């Protein structure tokens, strides 16, 4: 339906039709900017933890047992991050 009407809209509205398309881009830009989580500088394990939770990190590490405390794995990840930041001088 949209592809059928675009020709008529372009003919009737002219250059103003581009404002409609640009408004969608602006809306999507702010949605991505505000809703997508930041993954810059994170290790793959931290990204997995952020998106899929502690059980996925344990599974990816080859420890299919989810009985391990979730906090233990998060503590291990945060310790690695601090060690990396310290070695980089951050």
Protein backbone atom coordinates (compact mmCIF):
# COMPACT_ATOMS: atom_id res chain seq x y z
CA UNK A 1 0.00 0.00 0.00
CA UNK A 2 2.81 2.40 0.90
CA UNK A 3 4.72 1.81 -2.32
CA UNK A 4 1.54 2.38 -4.32
CA UNK A 5 0.84 5.74 -2.69
CA UNK A 6 4.42 7.10 -2.79
CA UNK A 7 4.21 8.05 -6.46
CA UNK A 8 1.01 10.02 -5.90
CA UNK A 9 2.38 11.63 -2.74
CA UNK A 10 5.57 12.71 -4.52
CA UNK A 11 3.58 14.11 -7.41
CA UNK A 12 1.18 16.08 -5.19
CA UNK A 13 3.51 17.17 -2.40
CA UNK A 14 6.77 17.55 -4.31
CA UNK A 15 9.80 18.29 -2.16
CA UNK A 16 7.64 18.38 1.00
CA UNK A 17 7.26 14.61 0.74
CA UNK A 18 10.89 14.25 1.85
CA UNK A 19 9.99 15.87 5.19
CA UNK A 20 7.72 12.90 5.93
CA UNK A 21 10.56 10.44 5.31
CA UNK A 22 13.04 12.58 7.25
CA UNK A 23 10.72 12.66 10.27
CA UNK A 24 10.87 8.85 10.48
CA UNK A 25 14.66 8.99 10.44
CA UNK A 26 14.68 11.54 13.25
CA UNK A 27 12.32 9.44 15.37
CA UNK A 28 14.39 6.30 14.85
CA UNK A 29 17.62 8.16 15.62
CA UNK A 30 16.35 9.22 19.03
CA UNK A 31 14.90 5.76 19.72
CA UNK A 32 18.27 4.14 19.03
CA UNK A 33 20.18 6.83 20.93
CA UNK A 34 18.02 6.51 24.04
CA UNK A 35 17.10 2.82 24.10
CA UNK A 36 20.07 0.82 22.76
CA UNK A 37 22.61 -0.19 25.42
CA UNK A 38 26.21 0.98 25.13
CA UNK A 39 28.70 -1.80 24.37
CA UNK A 40 31.82 0.24 23.66
CA UNK A 41 34.79 -0.96 25.66
CA UNK A 42 33.06 -4.07 27.04
CA UNK A 43 34.41 -7.57 26.68
CA UNK A 44 32.33 -10.21 24.95
CA UNK A 45 31.48 -11.75 28.32
CA UNK A 46 30.20 -8.42 29.63
CA UNK A 47 28.10 -7.90 26.50
CA UNK A 48 26.63 -11.39 26.90
CA UNK A 49 25.89 -10.64 30.54
CA UNK A 50 24.18 -7.39 29.61
CA UNK A 51 21.95 -8.87 26.90
CA UNK A 52 21.31 -12.44 28.02
CA UNK A 53 21.96 -12.54 31.75
CA UNK A 54 24.27 -14.52 34.03
CA UNK A 55 23.08 -17.98 32.94
CA UNK A 56 24.19 -17.33 29.35
CA UNK A 57 27.67 -16.30 30.52
CA UNK A 58 28.00 -19.54 32.47
CA UNK A 59 26.80 -21.55 29.49
CA UNK A 60 29.22 -19.78 27.14
CA UNK A 61 32.06 -20.43 29.59
CA UNK A 62 31.36 -24.15 29.35
CA UNK A 63 29.92 -24.44 32.83
CA UNK A 64 26.39 -25.45 31.91
CA UNK A 65 25.52 -25.56 35.61
CA UNK A 66 23.48 -22.54 36.57
CA UNK A 67 23.62 -23.36 40.26
CA UNK A 68 26.66 -21.13 40.69
CA UNK A 69 25.82 -17.85 42.30
CA UNK A 70 25.14 -15.15 39.74
CA UNK A 71 26.99 -12.61 41.83
CA UNK A 72 30.20 -14.66 41.70
CA UNK A 73 30.40 -14.38 37.92
CA UNK A 74 29.55 -10.67 37.98
CA UNK A 75 32.25 -10.12 40.60
CA UNK A 76 34.76 -11.99 38.45
CA UNK A 77 33.88 -9.85 35.43
CA UNK A 78 34.11 -6.61 37.38
CA UNK A 79 37.50 -7.67 38.81
CA UNK A 80 38.79 -8.35 35.30
CA UNK A 81 37.50 -4.98 34.13
CA UNK A 82 39.22 -3.18 37.02
CA UNK A 83 42.46 -5.02 36.31
CA UNK A 84 42.27 -4.05 32.66
CA UNK A 85 41.55 -0.42 33.51
CA UNK A 86 44.43 -0.37 35.98
CA UNK A 87 46.86 -1.82 33.46
CA UNK A 88 45.75 0.74 30.85
CA UNK A 89 46.10 3.57 33.35
CA UNK A 90 42.44 4.61 33.15
